[in-house]
Amino acid sequence: MSQSYEMIGTVKVVMEPMTFASGFTKREFVITTEDDRFPQMVKFQAVNERCALVAGLVPNDRVKVRFDVRGTLSTKNGERYFVDLQAFQVDKMDGDGSSVSRDEAPPMPIEDEPMPF
């Protein structure tokens, strides 16, 4: 069973999307946390369709990131282990500390005519 985590911080950098020959796409971004004694710079990645979560983020945006921890093993050039923080929800924080969710598609416009049955 997977456990999710969340972290609040300020966007430091948003990298360009990377697309690989397999069709896999990822986009990385870094936030700076303020809740520790010393600020921490933490890198996240959004993959495939979740890359859209990062679109529109700019440095100094305050965000809440919900993420999963993913581990992989690479046997290329010996055994190497990697850990990725995979974002699945990014909420841009308003000035009052509330958040605007960026994990869902925007609502569909309401049509004036009723649906035929």
N, C-alpha and C. Protein backbone atom coordinates (compact mmCIF):
# COMPACT_ATOMS: atom_id res chain seq x y z
N MET A 1 0.85 -1.18 0.00
CA MET A 1 0.00 0.00 0.00
C MET A 1 0.89 1.24 0.00
N SER A 2 0.55 2.19 -0.82
CA SER A 2 1.32 3.41 -0.97
C SER A 2 0.88 4.47 0.04
N GLN A 3 1.82 5.24 0.53
CA GLN A 3 1.50 6.32 1.43
C GLN A 3 1.86 7.63 0.75
N SER A 4 1.00 8.63 0.86
CA SER A 4 1.22 9.93 0.25
C SER A 4 1.71 10.92 1.30
N TYR A 5 2.41 11.92 0.83
CA TYR A 5 2.96 12.96 1.69
C TYR A 5 2.61 14.31 1.09
N GLU A 6 2.77 15.36 1.88
CA GLU A 6 2.60 16.72 1.35
C GLU A 6 3.64 17.64 1.95
N MET A 7 3.96 18.67 1.18
CA MET A 7 4.98 19.63 1.59
C MET A 7 4.58 21.00 1.06
N ILE A 8 4.79 22.02 1.86
CA ILE A 8 4.49 23.40 1.45
C ILE A 8 5.80 24.14 1.32
N GLY A 9 5.91 24.93 0.25
CA GLY A 9 7.11 25.70 0.05
C GLY A 9 6.94 26.71 -1.07
N THR A 10 8.05 27.32 -1.45
CA THR A 10 8.08 28.33 -2.49
C THR A 10 8.83 27.78 -3.70
N VAL A 11 8.25 27.95 -4.87
CA VAL A 11 8.89 27.45 -6.09
C VAL A 11 10.21 28.18 -6.31
N LYS A 12 11.26 27.41 -6.47
CA LYS A 12 12.58 27.97 -6.77
C LYS A 12 12.84 27.93 -8.27
N VAL A 13 12.56 26.78 -8.90
CA VAL A 13 12.82 26.63 -10.34
C VAL A 13 11.87 25.58 -10.91
N VAL A 14 11.47 25.80 -12.17
CA VAL A 14 10.68 24.82 -12.92
C VAL A 14 11.48 24.50 -14.17
N MET A 15 11.85 23.23 -14.32
CA MET A 15 12.67 22.82 -15.46
C MET A 15 11.79 22.54 -16.68
N GLU A 16 12.41 22.49 -17.84
CA GLU A 16 11.72 22.17 -19.08
C GLU A 16 11.32 20.69 -19.07
N PRO A 17 10.23 20.34 -19.75
CA PRO A 17 9.84 18.93 -19.83
C PRO A 17 10.90 18.11 -20.57
N MET A 18 11.04 16.84 -20.17
CA MET A 18 11.96 15.91 -20.82
C MET A 18 11.14 14.75 -21.35
N THR A 19 11.27 14.46 -22.65
CA THR A 19 10.57 13.32 -23.25
C THR A 19 11.61 12.33 -23.73
N PHE A 20 11.40 11.06 -23.41
CA PHE A 20 12.35 10.01 -23.74
C PHE A 20 11.84 9.18 -24.90
N ALA A 21 12.72 8.40 -25.51
CA ALA A 21 12.38 7.59 -26.68
C ALA A 21 11.21 6.65 -26.42
N SER A 22 11.05 6.22 -25.20
CA SER A 22 9.95 5.31 -24.84
C SER A 22 8.60 6.00 -24.83
N GLY A 23 8.60 7.35 -24.91
CA GLY A 23 7.36 8.11 -24.83
C GLY A 23 7.10 8.66 -23.44
N PHE A 24 7.91 8.28 -22.47
CA PHE A 24 7.80 8.75 -21.10
C PHE A 24 8.20 10.23 -21.04
N THR A 25 7.40 11.05 -20.36
CA THR A 25 7.70 12.47 -20.20
C THR A 25 7.73 12.80 -18.72
N LYS A 26 8.67 13.65 -18.34
CA LYS A 26 8.70 14.12 -16.95
C LYS A 26 9.09 15.59 -16.93
N ARG A 27 8.64 16.28 -15.90
CA ARG A 27 9.02 17.67 -15.70
C ARG A 27 9.35 17.84 -14.23
N GLU A 28 10.53 18.35 -13.96
CA GLU A 28 10.99 18.50 -12.59
C GLU A 28 10.84 19.95 -12.13
N PHE A 29 10.64 20.10 -10.82
CA PHE A 29 10.58 21.43 -10.23
C PHE A 29 11.11 21.35 -8.81
N VAL A 30 11.59 22.46 -8.31
CA VAL A 30 12.20 22.52 -6.98
C VAL A 30 11.44 23.54 -6.14
N ILE A 31 11.14 23.15 -4.90
CA ILE A 31 10.57 24.10 -3.95
C ILE A 31 11.52 24.25 -2.78
N THR A 32 11.45 25.40 -2.15
CA THR A 32 12.22 25.66 -0.94
C THR A 32 11.25 25.65 0.23
N THR A 33 11.54 24.81 1.23
CA THR A 33 10.67 24.73 2.41
C THR A 33 11.15 25.73 3.45
N GLU A 34 10.21 26.14 4.29
CA GLU A 34 10.56 27.12 5.33
C GLU A 34 10.31 26.59 6.73
N ASP A 35 9.85 25.34 6.85
CA ASP A 35 9.46 24.85 8.16
C ASP A 35 10.58 24.19 8.95
N ASP A 36 11.76 24.14 8.40
CA ASP A 36 12.92 23.59 9.10
C ASP A 36 13.77 24.72 9.65
N ARG A 37 14.73 24.36 10.47
CA ARG A 37 15.66 25.37 10.98
C ARG A 37 16.42 26.01 9.83
N PHE A 38 16.79 25.17 8.85
CA PHE A 38 17.45 25.66 7.65
C PHE A 38 16.57 25.34 6.47
N PRO A 39 16.35 26.30 5.57
CA PRO A 39 15.52 26.02 4.40
C PRO A 39 16.09 24.85 3.59
N GLN A 40 15.20 24.02 3.07
CA GLN A 40 15.59 22.86 2.26
C GLN A 40 15.09 23.05 0.84
N MET A 41 15.91 22.69 -0.14
CA MET A 41 15.50 22.71 -1.53
C MET A 41 15.19 21.28 -1.93
N VAL A 42 13.93 21.02 -2.31
CA VAL A 42 13.46 19.67 -2.57
C VAL A 42 12.98 19.59 -4.02
N LYS A 43 13.50 18.58 -4.75
CA LYS A 43 13.14 18.41 -6.16
C LYS A 43 12.04 17.37 -6.29
N PHE A 44 11.00 17.71 -7.06
CA PHE A 44 9.89 16.82 -7.37
C PHE A 44 9.86 16.58 -8.87
N GLN A 45 9.13 15.56 -9.27
CA GLN A 45 8.89 15.35 -10.69
C GLN A 45 7.41 15.08 -10.91
N ALA A 46 6.93 15.58 -12.04
CA ALA A 46 5.58 15.26 -12.51
C ALA A 46 5.78 14.44 -13.77
N VAL A 47 5.03 13.35 -13.92
CA VAL A 47 5.24 12.46 -15.05
C VAL A 47 4.02 12.39 -15.95
N ASN A 48 4.29 12.20 -17.24
CA ASN A 48 3.29 12.03 -18.29
C ASN A 48 2.21 13.10 -18.19
N GLU A 49 0.93 12.72 -18.05
CA GLU A 49 -0.15 13.70 -18.07
C GLU A 49 -0.09 14.65 -16.88
N ARG A 50 0.59 14.28 -15.82
CA ARG A 50 0.69 15.15 -14.64
C ARG A 50 1.66 16.31 -14.85
N CYS A 51 2.39 16.33 -15.97
CA CYS A 51 3.26 17.47 -16.28
C CYS A 51 2.46 18.76 -16.35
N ALA A 52 1.17 18.66 -16.68
CA ALA A 52 0.30 19.83 -16.75
C ALA A 52 0.16 20.52 -15.39
N LEU A 53 0.38 19.78 -14.30
CA LEU A 53 0.29 20.37 -12.96
C LEU A 53 1.30 21.49 -12.76
N VAL A 54 2.41 21.40 -13.47
CA VAL A 54 3.52 22.33 -13.28
C VAL A 54 3.39 23.55 -14.21
N ALA A 55 2.60 23.40 -15.27
CA ALA A 55 2.42 24.51 -16.22
C ALA A 55 1.87 25.72 -15.48
N GLY A 56 2.45 26.85 -15.71
CA GLY A 56 1.98 28.08 -15.07
C GLY A 56 2.65 28.41 -13.76
N LEU A 57 3.42 27.48 -13.20
CA LEU A 57 4.16 27.79 -11.97
C LEU A 57 5.38 28.63 -12.33
N VAL A 58 5.67 29.60 -11.51
CA VAL A 58 6.85 30.44 -11.70
C VAL A 58 7.57 30.57 -10.37
N PRO A 59 8.86 30.91 -10.42
CA PRO A 59 9.59 31.11 -9.16
C PRO A 59 8.86 32.09 -8.25
N ASN A 60 8.92 31.80 -6.97
CA ASN A 60 8.30 32.57 -5.88
C ASN A 60 6.83 32.26 -5.67
N ASP A 61 6.21 31.39 -6.49
CA ASP A 61 4.86 30.93 -6.19
C ASP A 61 4.92 30.07 -4.94
N ARG A 62 3.97 30.25 -4.06
CA ARG A 62 3.88 29.41 -2.86
C ARG A 62 2.93 28.26 -3.19
N VAL A 63 3.37 27.03 -2.94
CA VAL A 63 2.61 25.85 -3.34
C VAL A 63 2.56 24.80 -2.24
N LYS A 64 1.51 23.96 -2.32
CA LYS A 64 1.43 22.75 -1.51
C LYS A 64 1.51 21.59 -2.50
N VAL A 65 2.46 20.70 -2.30
CA VAL A 65 2.67 19.56 -3.21
C VAL A 65 2.31 18.29 -2.47
N ARG A 66 1.43 17.49 -3.07
CA ARG A 66 1.14 16.13 -2.57
C ARG A 66 1.89 15.18 -3.47
N PHE A 67 2.57 14.20 -2.86
CA PHE A 67 3.47 13.35 -3.64
C PHE A 67 3.59 11.96 -3.05
N ASP A 68 4.08 11.07 -3.88
CA ASP A 68 4.42 9.70 -3.49
C ASP A 68 5.93 9.55 -3.60
N VAL A 69 6.49 8.67 -2.80
CA VAL A 69 7.91 8.34 -2.88
C VAL A 69 8.03 7.10 -3.75
N ARG A 70 8.84 7.17 -4.79
CA ARG A 70 9.04 6.06 -5.72
C ARG A 70 10.52 5.69 -5.75
N GLY A 71 10.81 4.41 -5.64
CA GLY A 71 12.19 3.93 -5.69
C GLY A 71 12.39 3.02 -6.89
N THR A 72 13.56 3.13 -7.53
CA THR A 72 13.87 2.28 -8.68
C THR A 72 15.30 1.77 -8.57
N LEU A 73 15.55 0.68 -9.26
CA LEU A 73 16.87 0.06 -9.32
C LEU A 73 17.35 0.12 -10.76
N SER A 74 18.56 0.60 -10.95
CA SER A 74 19.18 0.59 -12.27
C SER A 74 20.38 -0.35 -12.21
N THR A 75 20.44 -1.29 -13.14
CA THR A 75 21.58 -2.21 -13.16
C THR A 75 22.59 -1.81 -14.22
N LYS A 76 22.35 -0.69 -14.87
CA LYS A 76 23.31 -0.15 -15.84
C LYS A 76 24.52 0.36 -15.06
N ASN A 77 25.72 -0.07 -15.44
CA ASN A 77 26.96 0.33 -14.74
C ASN A 77 26.94 -0.06 -13.27
N GLY A 78 26.50 -1.26 -12.96
CA GLY A 78 26.42 -1.71 -11.57
C GLY A 78 25.06 -1.40 -10.98
N GLU A 79 24.84 -1.84 -9.76
CA GLU A 79 23.57 -1.60 -9.10
C GLU A 79 23.52 -0.20 -8.53
N ARG A 80 22.50 0.56 -8.93
CA ARG A 80 22.29 1.91 -8.39
C ARG A 80 20.82 2.06 -8.05
N TYR A 81 20.55 2.69 -6.94
CA TYR A 81 19.18 2.89 -6.47
C TYR A 81 18.84 4.37 -6.55
N PHE A 82 17.61 4.65 -6.97
CA PHE A 82 17.16 6.03 -7.11
C PHE A 82 15.84 6.20 -6.36
N VAL A 83 15.65 7.37 -5.80
CA VAL A 83 14.39 7.72 -5.14
C VAL A 83 13.87 8.99 -5.80
N ASP A 84 12.61 8.96 -6.19
CA ASP A 84 11.97 10.13 -6.81
C ASP A 84 10.76 10.52 -5.98
N LEU A 85 10.53 11.82 -5.87
CA LEU A 85 9.34 12.34 -5.24
C LEU A 85 8.39 12.71 -6.37
N GLN A 86 7.36 11.90 -6.56
CA GLN A 86 6.48 12.03 -7.71
C GLN A 86 5.21 12.80 -7.33
N ALA A 87 5.10 14.03 -7.83
CA ALA A 87 3.95 14.89 -7.52
C ALA A 87 2.71 14.40 -8.24
N PHE A 88 1.59 14.35 -7.51
CA PHE A 88 0.32 14.02 -8.15
C PHE A 88 -0.71 15.12 -7.93
N GLN A 89 -0.39 16.11 -7.09
CA GLN A 89 -1.27 17.26 -6.90
C GLN A 89 -0.41 18.45 -6.53
N VAL A 90 -0.65 19.58 -7.17
CA VAL A 90 0.06 20.81 -6.85
C VAL A 90 -0.98 21.89 -6.66
N ASP A 91 -1.02 22.47 -5.46
CA ASP A 91 -1.98 23.53 -5.14
C ASP A 91 -1.21 24.83 -4.98
N LYS A 92 -1.59 25.82 -5.75
CA LYS A 92 -0.99 27.14 -5.62
C LYS A 92 -1.66 27.82 -4.43
N MET A 93 -0.89 28.34 -3.51
CA MET A 93 -1.42 28.93 -2.29
C MET A 93 -1.74 30.41 -2.52
N ASP A 94 -2.90 30.84 -2.02
CA ASP A 94 -3.26 32.24 -2.07
C ASP A 94 -2.57 32.97 -0.92
N GLY A 95 -2.67 34.27 -0.91
CA GLY A 95 -2.06 35.07 0.15
C GLY A 95 -2.58 34.75 1.53
N ASP A 96 -3.82 34.25 1.63
CA ASP A 96 -4.40 33.95 2.94
C ASP A 96 -4.09 32.52 3.40
N GLY A 97 -3.26 31.79 2.63
CA GLY A 97 -2.89 30.44 3.02
C GLY A 97 -3.80 29.36 2.45
N SER A 98 -4.90 29.76 1.79
CA SER A 98 -5.75 28.75 1.18
C SER A 98 -5.15 28.33 -0.15
N SER A 99 -5.60 27.20 -0.67
CA SER A 99 -5.01 26.68 -1.89
C SER A 99 -6.03 26.55 -2.99
N VAL A 100 -5.51 26.60 -4.21
CA VAL A 100 -6.32 26.39 -5.41
C VAL A 100 -5.80 25.11 -6.04
N SER A 101 -6.62 24.07 -6.10
CA SER A 101 -6.18 22.75 -6.57
C SER A 101 -5.84 22.77 -8.04
N ARG A 102 -4.75 22.04 -8.41
CA ARG A 102 -4.32 21.94 -9.80
C ARG A 102 -4.24 20.48 -10.23
N ASP A 103 -5.00 19.59 -9.56
CA ASP A 103 -4.92 18.18 -9.92
C ASP A 103 -6.13 17.71 -10.71
N GLU A 104 -7.09 18.57 -10.91
CA GLU A 104 -8.31 18.18 -11.60
C GLU A 104 -8.47 19.01 -12.87
N ALA A 105 -9.20 18.46 -13.81
CA ALA A 105 -9.51 19.21 -15.02
C ALA A 105 -10.46 20.34 -14.66
N PRO A 106 -10.39 21.46 -15.39
CA PRO A 106 -11.31 22.55 -15.09
C PRO A 106 -12.75 22.10 -15.34
N PRO A 107 -13.71 22.67 -14.61
CA PRO A 107 -15.10 22.26 -14.80
C PRO A 107 -15.57 22.56 -16.22
N MET A 108 -16.44 21.71 -16.71
CA MET A 108 -17.01 21.90 -18.04
C MET A 108 -18.02 23.04 -17.99
N PRO A 109 -18.11 23.87 -19.05
CA PRO A 109 -19.09 24.94 -19.04
C PRO A 109 -20.51 24.36 -19.07
N ILE A 110 -21.40 25.07 -18.44
CA ILE A 110 -22.80 24.64 -18.40
C ILE A 110 -23.47 25.10 -19.69
N GLU A 111 -24.16 24.19 -20.34
CA GLU A 111 -24.85 24.52 -21.58
C GLU A 111 -26.23 25.08 -21.26
N ASP A 112 -26.71 25.98 -22.11
CA ASP A 112 -28.01 26.60 -21.90
C ASP A 112 -29.16 25.65 -22.20
N GLU A 113 -28.97 24.72 -23.12
CA GLU A 113 -30.04 23.83 -23.51
C GLU A 113 -29.99 22.55 -22.67
N PRO A 114 -31.17 22.02 -22.30
CA PRO A 114 -31.17 20.75 -21.56
C PRO A 114 -30.74 19.60 -22.45
N MET A 115 -30.19 18.57 -21.83
CA MET A 115 -29.73 17.39 -22.56
C MET A 115 -30.94 16.59 -23.04
N PRO A 116 -30.95 16.13 -24.31
CA PRO A 116 -32.04 15.28 -24.78
C PRO A 116 -31.92 13.88 -24.18
N PHE A 117 -33.05 13.23 -23.94
CA PHE A 117 -33.03 11.89 -23.37
C PHE A 117 -33.32 10.87 -24.40
